[in-house]
Amino acid sequence: MPLTRSRLAVGLRTLGVAPGDLLEIHASLRSIGKVAGGVDAVVLALLDAVGAEGTLAVIASMEDEPVDLSEPREAQRAGRAGIPPFD
């Protein structure tokens, strides 16, 4: 049975995440398991856990950038097309 947004949020609160916290995330969906709603549900659960006063920070770069930023934008888009969001 897949995890749900609400079960993930409750689990995060059980681990000690509280409204108003700053939470930095670097995670793999594969390690979480099957989630109803996929990556969107995971992000929403994280936001639920920190609340409106909290901050969710995620890593926005990769160690081995697969895209040459000097290339035209179309080539950059094509290079990013096959990159999964959390792996």
Protein backbone atom coordinates (compact mmCIF):
# COMPACT_ATOMS: atom_id res chain seq x y z
CA MET A 1 0.00 0.00 0.00
CA PRO A 2 1.54 3.34 -1.00
CA LEU A 3 2.27 6.07 1.50
CA THR A 4 0.04 9.14 1.46
CA ARG A 5 0.71 12.85 1.93
CA SER A 6 -0.94 12.83 5.34
CA ARG A 7 0.95 9.73 6.56
CA LEU A 8 4.24 11.29 5.45
CA ALA A 9 3.43 14.57 7.25
CA VAL A 10 2.51 12.69 10.45
CA GLY A 11 5.72 10.67 10.17
CA LEU A 12 7.79 13.83 9.78
CA ARG A 13 6.14 15.38 12.84
CA THR A 14 6.82 12.15 14.79
CA LEU A 15 10.50 12.52 13.83
CA GLY A 16 10.47 16.00 15.35
CA VAL A 17 9.75 18.30 12.41
CA ALA A 18 7.62 21.14 13.77
CA PRO A 19 5.76 24.11 12.29
CA GLY A 20 8.19 26.98 11.84
CA ASP A 21 11.23 24.73 11.34
CA LEU A 22 13.80 25.16 8.60
CA LEU A 23 14.13 21.79 6.85
CA GLU A 24 16.85 21.07 4.28
CA ILE A 25 16.06 18.06 2.13
CA HIS A 26 18.22 15.86 -0.05
CA ALA A 27 16.29 12.67 -0.72
CA SER A 28 15.61 9.93 -3.21
CA LEU A 29 12.01 8.93 -3.93
CA ARG A 30 13.24 5.39 -4.40
CA SER A 31 14.33 5.28 -0.74
CA ILE A 32 10.93 6.54 0.45
CA GLY A 33 8.98 3.93 -1.49
CA LYS A 34 5.73 4.17 -3.39
CA VAL A 35 3.81 7.37 -2.61
CA ALA A 36 0.26 8.07 -3.77
CA GLY A 37 0.58 11.30 -5.73
CA GLY A 38 4.31 10.88 -6.38
CA VAL A 39 6.81 13.69 -5.93
CA ASP A 40 4.06 16.32 -5.57
CA ALA A 41 2.63 14.53 -2.53
CA VAL A 42 6.09 14.27 -0.95
CA VAL A 43 6.76 17.99 -1.40
CA LEU A 44 3.31 18.89 -0.05
CA ALA A 45 3.84 16.63 2.99
CA LEU A 46 7.15 18.35 3.69
CA LEU A 47 5.45 21.74 3.42
CA ASP A 48 2.62 20.53 5.68
CA ALA A 49 5.15 19.46 8.30
CA VAL A 50 7.00 22.82 8.44
CA GLY A 51 3.80 24.85 8.10
CA ALA A 52 3.31 28.31 6.66
CA GLU A 53 5.91 29.79 9.03
CA GLY A 54 8.56 27.20 8.15
CA THR A 55 11.09 26.96 5.36
CA LEU A 56 11.76 24.03 3.04
CA ALA A 57 15.17 24.12 1.35
CA VAL A 58 16.25 21.70 -1.38
CA ILE A 59 19.48 21.27 -3.25
CA ALA A 60 19.14 22.85 -6.67
CA SER A 61 22.36 21.71 -8.36
CA MET A 62 24.13 18.51 -9.24
CA GLU A 63 27.73 17.56 -8.64
CA ASP A 64 28.16 16.50 -12.26
CA GLU A 65 26.08 19.04 -14.17
CA PRO A 66 24.89 17.18 -17.31
CA VAL A 67 24.10 20.43 -19.11
CA ASP A 68 26.55 22.91 -20.59
CA LEU A 69 25.14 26.31 -19.64
CA SER A 70 26.97 27.93 -22.55
CA GLU A 71 24.78 25.94 -24.99
CA PRO A 72 21.53 27.37 -26.41
CA ARG A 73 18.45 26.96 -24.19
CA GLU A 74 16.93 24.25 -26.43
CA ALA A 75 20.04 22.11 -26.03
CA GLN A 76 19.95 22.69 -22.24
CA ARG A 77 16.28 21.60 -22.10
CA ALA A 78 17.05 18.48 -24.11
CA GLY A 79 19.92 17.63 -21.75
CA ARG A 80 17.68 17.96 -18.68
CA ALA A 81 14.70 16.07 -20.13
CA GLY A 82 15.80 12.66 -18.87
CA ILE A 83 16.92 13.67 -15.38
CA PRO A 84 14.58 12.39 -12.63
CA PRO A 85 13.66 15.04 -10.02
CA PHE A 86 14.81 13.16 -6.88
CA ASP A 87 17.38 10.64 -7.99
